[in-house]
């Protein structure tokens, strides 16, 4: 089975690229095997999103982080599978909450079957992840539990919104750190920890990966506004249409500049299709985009500062290149 492409790493050391490709292929095999059930329908539902593809970005980070220890250590591949199963489980649940119809170019599980099947399948993936995790030791179990707590807390805080008097922009960044950054941070932590890397290295990689995760999501915010359909692979303005208050939107809503009055009016809620092009045009030209990009750069630079303290091996250069890619993909 061919390994997924190495996401965002166009200039990887040749030997490292071979190691990553081999590792990702092993992750893919174990991932598919881990959800097999005596019940054919449970297997079909559980493999639905696995077979739909995906970048395996988090698994790749596990494998990269493992380069700072022994990348062939027996816990590395299972650790990557745990991360991917956890991520996939959250996608089943996200699609129910978002009433999504499509995921990775295929009908979402809730659209193909129903919400109940999607929720239960996500729960099944979490259970399978826990079963694998039990063989990786109590420290890995504790890390996973705390990560899952952050994932759920982030989702709750996003759903409820900022409390009265709370800064919406700070609230938003904290939600991103919990919802997106936490699992990406744990990807790096698992790779380094399970490969036997030194504790200081484990902590640096964990911090860097969380910053990469936040920067990646901030990049998605910008791409939704700035990119064309052909560039981004999705319809521009999807977040605006759904009334999602991403960082550029929050900066506009916080503005008191009279010149922003019309845009603030458009962004108060979901933007109707007849006003979407106007909203996109105004937002693309607004200083809010520069402020959001500056925040992305701060998180990318934070990641680079952590990575600069790591041993100078090809994996470090690959992670630094990933930081650049996270920025460059936004144009």
Protein backbone atom coordinates (compact mmCIF):
# COMPACT_ATOMS: atom_id res chain seq x y z
CA UNK A 1 0.00 0.00 0.00
CA UNK A 2 1.52 3.38 -0.96
CA UNK A 3 2.34 5.73 1.89
CA UNK A 4 0.58 9.10 2.07
CA UNK A 5 2.67 12.05 0.84
CA UNK A 6 4.92 13.84 3.30
CA UNK A 7 2.82 16.94 3.93
CA UNK A 8 4.48 20.32 3.68
CA UNK A 9 8.03 18.99 3.54
CA UNK A 10 9.26 19.56 -0.02
CA UNK A 11 12.98 19.54 0.83
CA UNK A 12 13.40 16.66 3.23
CA UNK A 13 16.69 14.82 3.56
CA UNK A 14 16.46 11.76 1.28
CA UNK A 15 17.05 9.19 4.02
CA UNK A 16 14.61 10.93 6.35
CA UNK A 17 12.01 10.97 3.58
CA UNK A 18 12.45 7.21 3.15
CA UNK A 19 12.08 6.67 6.92
CA UNK A 20 8.93 8.80 7.00
CA UNK A 21 7.39 7.06 3.99
CA UNK A 22 8.10 3.65 5.50
CA UNK A 23 6.72 4.72 8.86
CA UNK A 24 3.57 6.23 7.39
CA UNK A 25 2.94 3.01 5.45
CA UNK A 26 3.23 1.05 8.71
CA UNK A 27 0.87 3.49 10.42
CA UNK A 28 -1.64 3.07 7.60
CA UNK A 29 -1.57 -0.73 7.87
CA UNK A 30 -2.04 -0.70 11.63
CA UNK A 31 -4.68 2.02 11.45
CA UNK A 32 -6.85 -0.04 9.12
CA UNK A 33 -6.30 -3.24 11.08
CA UNK A 34 -7.06 -1.56 14.41
CA UNK A 35 -10.70 -0.90 13.55
CA UNK A 36 -11.52 -4.36 12.23
CA UNK A 37 -14.47 -5.89 14.03
CA UNK A 38 -16.34 -9.17 13.94
CA UNK A 39 -19.29 -7.06 12.86
CA UNK A 40 -18.91 -6.08 9.20
CA UNK A 41 -20.95 -2.90 9.58
CA UNK A 42 -18.85 -1.65 12.50
CA UNK A 43 -15.74 -2.22 10.38
CA UNK A 44 -17.28 -0.42 7.41
CA UNK A 45 -18.37 2.60 9.44
CA UNK A 46 -15.04 2.79 11.27
CA UNK A 47 -13.02 2.63 8.06
CA UNK A 48 -15.23 5.17 6.31
CA UNK A 49 -12.99 8.17 7.01
CA UNK A 50 -9.77 6.16 7.00
CA UNK A 51 -10.43 5.06 3.42
CA UNK A 52 -11.39 8.63 2.47
CA UNK A 53 -7.71 9.49 2.82
CA UNK A 54 -6.25 12.43 4.68
CA UNK A 55 -2.79 13.87 5.12
CA UNK A 56 -1.83 11.84 8.24
CA UNK A 57 -0.21 15.10 9.34
CA UNK A 58 -0.24 14.19 13.02
CA UNK A 59 1.22 10.75 12.38
CA UNK A 60 3.99 12.38 10.38
CA UNK A 61 4.80 14.61 13.37
CA UNK A 62 5.01 11.55 15.63
CA UNK A 63 7.52 10.00 13.22
CA UNK A 64 9.54 13.20 12.87
CA UNK A 65 9.74 13.66 16.64
CA UNK A 66 10.84 10.04 17.03
CA UNK A 67 13.96 10.88 15.03
CA UNK A 68 15.33 12.59 18.14
CA UNK A 69 15.43 9.21 19.87
CA UNK A 70 15.18 5.71 18.43
CA UNK A 71 12.67 5.94 15.55
CA UNK A 72 12.44 2.14 15.44
CA UNK A 73 11.33 1.89 19.09
CA UNK A 74 8.30 -0.43 19.35
CA UNK A 75 5.91 2.21 20.70
CA UNK A 76 6.35 4.79 17.93
CA UNK A 77 4.02 3.36 15.27
CA UNK A 78 1.28 2.44 17.81
CA UNK A 79 1.60 5.95 19.26
CA UNK A 80 1.04 7.45 15.82
CA UNK A 81 -2.01 5.21 15.32
CA UNK A 82 -3.44 6.33 18.68
CA UNK A 83 -3.10 9.95 17.57
CA UNK A 84 -4.76 9.29 14.20
CA UNK A 85 -7.63 7.32 15.75
CA UNK A 86 -8.23 10.14 18.22
CA UNK A 87 -8.22 12.71 15.43
CA UNK A 88 -10.58 10.62 13.29
CA UNK A 89 -12.94 10.13 16.23
CA UNK A 90 -13.19 13.88 16.68
CA UNK A 91 -14.01 14.29 12.98
CA UNK A 92 -17.01 11.96 13.26
CA UNK A 93 -18.29 14.03 16.17
CA UNK A 94 -17.45 17.38 14.52
CA UNK A 95 -19.49 16.48 11.45
CA UNK A 96 -22.53 15.79 13.62
CA UNK A 97 -22.17 19.09 15.46
CA UNK A 98 -21.57 21.01 12.23
CA UNK A 99 -24.25 19.09 10.29
CA UNK A 100 -21.59 18.54 7.64
CA UNK A 101 -22.51 16.63 4.50
CA UNK A 102 -19.02 16.05 3.08
CA UNK A 103 -15.70 15.08 4.65
CA UNK A 104 -12.52 14.54 2.60
CA UNK A 105 -14.48 14.57 -0.63
CA UNK A 106 -16.86 11.80 0.47
CA UNK A 107 -20.24 11.87 2.23
CA UNK A 108 -19.73 12.36 5.95
CA UNK A 109 -20.73 9.43 8.18
CA UNK A 110 -23.77 11.29 9.48
CA UNK A 111 -24.88 11.99 5.90
CA UNK A 112 -24.23 8.44 4.71
CA UNK A 113 -25.95 6.87 7.72
CA UNK A 114 -27.23 9.11 10.52
CA UNK A 115 -26.05 11.12 13.53
CA UNK A 116 -26.34 8.20 15.93
CA UNK A 117 -24.09 5.97 13.82
CA UNK A 118 -21.55 8.79 13.43
CA UNK A 119 -21.42 9.49 17.17
CA UNK A 120 -21.12 5.84 18.11
CA UNK A 121 -18.43 5.25 15.47
CA UNK A 122 -16.41 8.14 16.86
CA UNK A 123 -16.78 6.59 20.33
CA UNK A 124 -15.62 3.25 18.94
CA UNK A 125 -12.46 4.84 17.53
CA UNK A 126 -11.71 6.45 20.88
CA UNK A 127 -12.10 3.05 22.51
CA UNK A 128 -9.78 1.41 20.00
CA UNK A 129 -7.21 4.14 20.64
CA UNK A 130 -7.44 3.49 24.38
CA UNK A 131 -6.91 -0.24 23.85
CA UNK A 132 -3.68 0.39 21.93
CA UNK A 133 -2.64 3.04 24.44
CA UNK A 134 -2.85 0.58 27.33
CA UNK A 135 0.27 -1.16 25.99
CA UNK A 136 2.25 2.09 25.88
CA UNK A 137 2.37 2.65 29.64
CA UNK A 138 0.72 4.84 32.28
CA UNK A 139 2.53 8.04 31.25
CA UNK A 140 1.17 7.80 27.70
CA UNK A 141 -2.31 7.11 29.08
CA UNK A 142 -2.10 10.18 31.32
CA UNK A 143 -0.93 12.38 28.45
CA UNK A 144 -3.76 11.15 26.23
CA UNK A 145 -6.35 11.75 28.95
CA UNK A 146 -5.17 15.32 29.48
CA UNK A 147 -5.07 15.92 25.73
CA UNK A 148 -8.62 14.66 25.31
CA UNK A 149 -9.70 16.88 28.19
CA UNK A 150 -8.28 19.88 26.34
CA UNK A 151 -9.94 18.87 23.07
CA UNK A 152 -13.35 18.68 24.74
CA UNK A 153 -12.79 21.87 26.75
CA UNK A 154 -11.88 23.71 23.57
CA UNK A 155 -15.01 22.49 21.82
CA UNK A 156 -17.19 23.51 24.77
CA UNK A 157 -15.61 26.96 24.97
CA UNK A 158 -16.05 27.44 21.21
CA UNK A 159 -19.69 26.40 21.44
CA UNK A 160 -20.47 28.67 24.42
CA UNK A 161 -18.37 31.60 23.22
CA UNK A 162 -16.45 34.14 25.30
CA UNK A 163 -17.83 35.08 28.70
CA UNK A 164 -19.09 38.59 29.33
CA UNK A 165 -16.12 40.92 29.55
CA UNK A 166 -13.72 38.36 28.11
CA UNK A 167 -11.56 39.42 25.17
CA UNK A 168 -13.00 37.54 22.15
CA UNK A 169 -9.62 37.43 20.41
CA UNK A 170 -7.83 35.94 23.40
CA UNK A 171 -10.71 33.48 23.85
CA UNK A 172 -10.40 32.46 20.19
CA UNK A 173 -6.65 31.81 20.39
CA UNK A 174 -7.10 29.75 23.56
CA UNK A 175 -9.81 27.69 21.84
CA UNK A 176 -7.45 27.02 18.91
CA UNK A 177 -4.70 25.94 21.29
CA UNK A 178 -7.07 23.46 22.93
CA UNK A 179 -9.00 22.22 19.90
CA UNK A 180 -6.17 22.05 17.37
CA UNK A 181 -2.88 22.67 19.13
CA UNK A 182 -3.28 20.12 21.91
CA UNK A 183 -3.44 16.99 19.74
CA UNK A 184 -0.66 18.22 17.47
CA UNK A 185 1.43 18.92 20.58
CA UNK A 186 0.77 15.39 21.78
CA UNK A 187 1.82 14.05 18.39
CA UNK A 188 5.26 15.54 18.94
CA UNK A 189 5.32 14.48 22.58
CA UNK A 190 4.42 10.87 21.79
CA UNK A 191 7.06 10.61 19.08
CA UNK A 192 9.83 11.97 21.25
CA UNK A 193 8.74 10.22 24.45
CA UNK A 194 8.12 6.80 22.93
CA UNK A 195 11.43 6.91 21.06
CA UNK A 196 13.30 7.55 24.30
CA UNK A 197 14.43 11.10 23.50
CA UNK A 198 15.79 13.18 26.42
CA UNK A 199 13.19 14.95 28.55
CA UNK A 200 14.34 18.43 27.48
CA UNK A 201 13.90 17.43 23.84
CA UNK A 202 10.42 16.04 24.56
CA UNK A 203 9.35 19.34 26.11
CA UNK A 204 10.78 21.47 23.29
CA UNK A 205 9.11 19.39 20.60
CA UNK A 206 5.79 19.43 22.44
CA UNK A 207 5.85 23.22 22.72
CA UNK A 208 6.91 23.67 19.10
CA UNK A 209 4.20 21.35 17.79
CA UNK A 210 1.47 23.14 19.72
CA UNK A 211 2.60 26.43 18.20
CA UNK A 212 2.63 24.83 14.74
CA UNK A 213 -0.94 23.63 15.32
CA UNK A 214 -2.20 27.09 16.26
CA UNK A 215 -0.35 28.66 13.33
CA UNK A 216 -1.83 26.08 10.95
CA UNK A 217 -5.38 26.91 12.02
CA UNK A 218 -4.72 30.64 11.80
CA UNK A 219 -3.47 29.98 8.27
CA UNK A 220 -6.75 28.27 7.46
CA UNK A 221 -8.55 31.42 8.64
CA UNK A 222 -6.60 33.52 6.17
CA UNK A 223 -6.91 31.04 3.31
CA UNK A 224 -10.70 30.95 3.66
CA UNK A 225 -10.74 34.67 2.89
CA UNK A 226 -7.83 35.19 0.52
CA UNK A 227 -7.64 32.09 -1.68
CA UNK A 228 -9.65 31.27 -4.76
CA UNK A 229 -11.55 27.99 -5.01
CA UNK A 230 -8.84 26.48 -7.18
CA UNK A 231 -6.08 27.37 -4.74
CA UNK A 232 -7.66 26.25 -1.47
CA UNK A 233 -9.70 23.28 -2.61
CA UNK A 234 -12.82 24.67 -0.99
CA UNK A 235 -15.24 27.51 -1.64
CA UNK A 236 -13.82 30.84 -0.42
CA UNK A 237 -15.81 32.45 2.36
CA UNK A 238 -17.12 29.19 3.82
CA UNK A 239 -16.51 30.46 7.36
CA UNK A 240 -18.21 33.78 6.57
CA UNK A 241 -21.22 32.00 5.09
CA UNK A 242 -21.53 29.87 8.23
CA UNK A 243 -21.06 32.80 10.60
CA UNK A 244 -17.80 31.45 12.04
CA UNK A 245 -15.91 34.28 13.71
CA UNK A 246 -12.33 33.61 12.72
CA UNK A 247 -9.45 35.89 13.69
CA UNK A 248 -9.75 38.38 10.79
CA UNK A 249 -13.48 38.72 11.50
CA UNK A 250 -12.86 39.27 15.20
CA UNK A 251 -10.38 42.05 14.41
CA UNK A 252 -12.96 43.78 12.20
CA UNK A 253 -15.67 43.47 14.84
CA UNK A 254 -13.31 44.97 17.43
CA UNK A 255 -12.52 47.93 15.16
CA UNK A 256 -14.03 51.35 15.86
CA UNK A 257 -12.89 52.79 12.53
CA UNK A 258 -15.89 54.37 10.72
CA UNK A 259 -14.44 53.04 7.46
CA UNK A 260 -15.16 49.51 8.70
CA UNK A 261 -18.86 50.15 9.42
CA UNK A 262 -20.22 48.35 6.36
CA UNK A 263 -17.94 45.35 6.85
CA UNK A 264 -18.82 45.14 10.55
CA UNK A 265 -22.49 45.12 9.56
CA UNK A 266 -21.95 42.28 7.09
CA UNK A 267 -19.98 40.20 9.61
CA UNK A 268 -22.43 40.37 12.51
CA UNK A 269 -23.78 36.93 11.58
CA UNK A 270 -23.76 34.44 8.71
CA UNK A 271 -23.13 36.31 5.45
CA UNK A 272 -25.89 35.62 2.90
CA UNK A 273 -24.77 34.46 -0.53
CA UNK A 274 -25.88 37.72 -2.15
CA UNK A 275 -23.46 39.67 0.07
CA UNK A 276 -20.62 37.16 0.23
CA UNK A 277 -18.51 38.61 -2.60
CA UNK A 278 -18.83 42.12 -1.13
CA UNK A 279 -17.78 40.86 2.31
CA UNK A 280 -14.81 38.98 0.87
CA UNK A 281 -13.66 41.99 -1.16
CA UNK A 282 -13.86 44.34 1.83
CA UNK A 283 -12.21 41.87 4.20
CA UNK A 284 -9.34 41.09 1.82
CA UNK A 285 -8.48 44.80 1.73
CA UNK A 286 -8.92 45.35 5.47
CA UNK A 287 -5.98 45.73 7.91
CA UNK A 288 -7.55 42.89 9.90
CA UNK A 289 -5.93 40.45 7.48
CA UNK A 290 -2.47 41.86 8.24
CA UNK A 291 -3.14 41.66 11.97
CA UNK A 292 -4.25 38.04 11.67
CA UNK A 293 -1.19 37.21 9.57
CA UNK A 294 1.05 38.86 12.17
CA UNK A 295 -0.46 36.57 14.80
CA UNK A 296 0.24 33.54 12.59
CA UNK A 297 3.86 34.69 12.22
CA UNK A 298 4.22 35.04 15.99
CA UNK A 299 3.15 31.43 16.52
CA UNK A 300 5.40 30.18 13.71
CA UNK A 301 8.33 32.10 15.19
CA UNK A 302 7.54 30.65 18.61
CA UNK A 303 7.77 27.18 17.13
CA UNK A 304 11.06 28.01 15.40
CA UNK A 305 12.54 29.32 18.65
CA UNK A 306 11.81 26.00 20.36
CA UNK A 307 13.11 23.97 17.43
CA UNK A 308 16.34 25.98 17.32
CA UNK A 309 17.26 24.47 20.69
CA UNK A 310 17.03 20.89 19.40
CA UNK A 311 19.92 18.77 18.10
CA UNK A 312 20.88 19.70 14.53
CA UNK A 313 19.61 16.62 12.70
CA UNK A 314 17.58 16.37 9.45
CA UNK A 315 14.33 16.07 11.43
CA UNK A 316 14.93 19.49 12.98
CA UNK A 317 15.46 21.00 9.53
CA UNK A 318 12.27 19.32 8.33
CA UNK A 319 10.30 20.78 11.24
CA UNK A 320 11.76 24.23 10.58
CA UNK A 321 10.76 23.86 6.92
CA UNK A 322 7.27 22.93 8.08
CA UNK A 323 7.07 26.22 10.01
CA UNK A 324 7.94 28.08 6.81
CA UNK A 325 5.38 26.07 4.87
CA UNK A 326 2.65 26.93 7.40
CA UNK A 327 3.32 30.61 6.67
CA UNK A 328 3.92 30.33 2.91
CA UNK A 329 0.71 28.37 2.25
CA UNK A 330 -1.27 31.52 3.14
CA UNK A 331 0.39 33.45 0.31
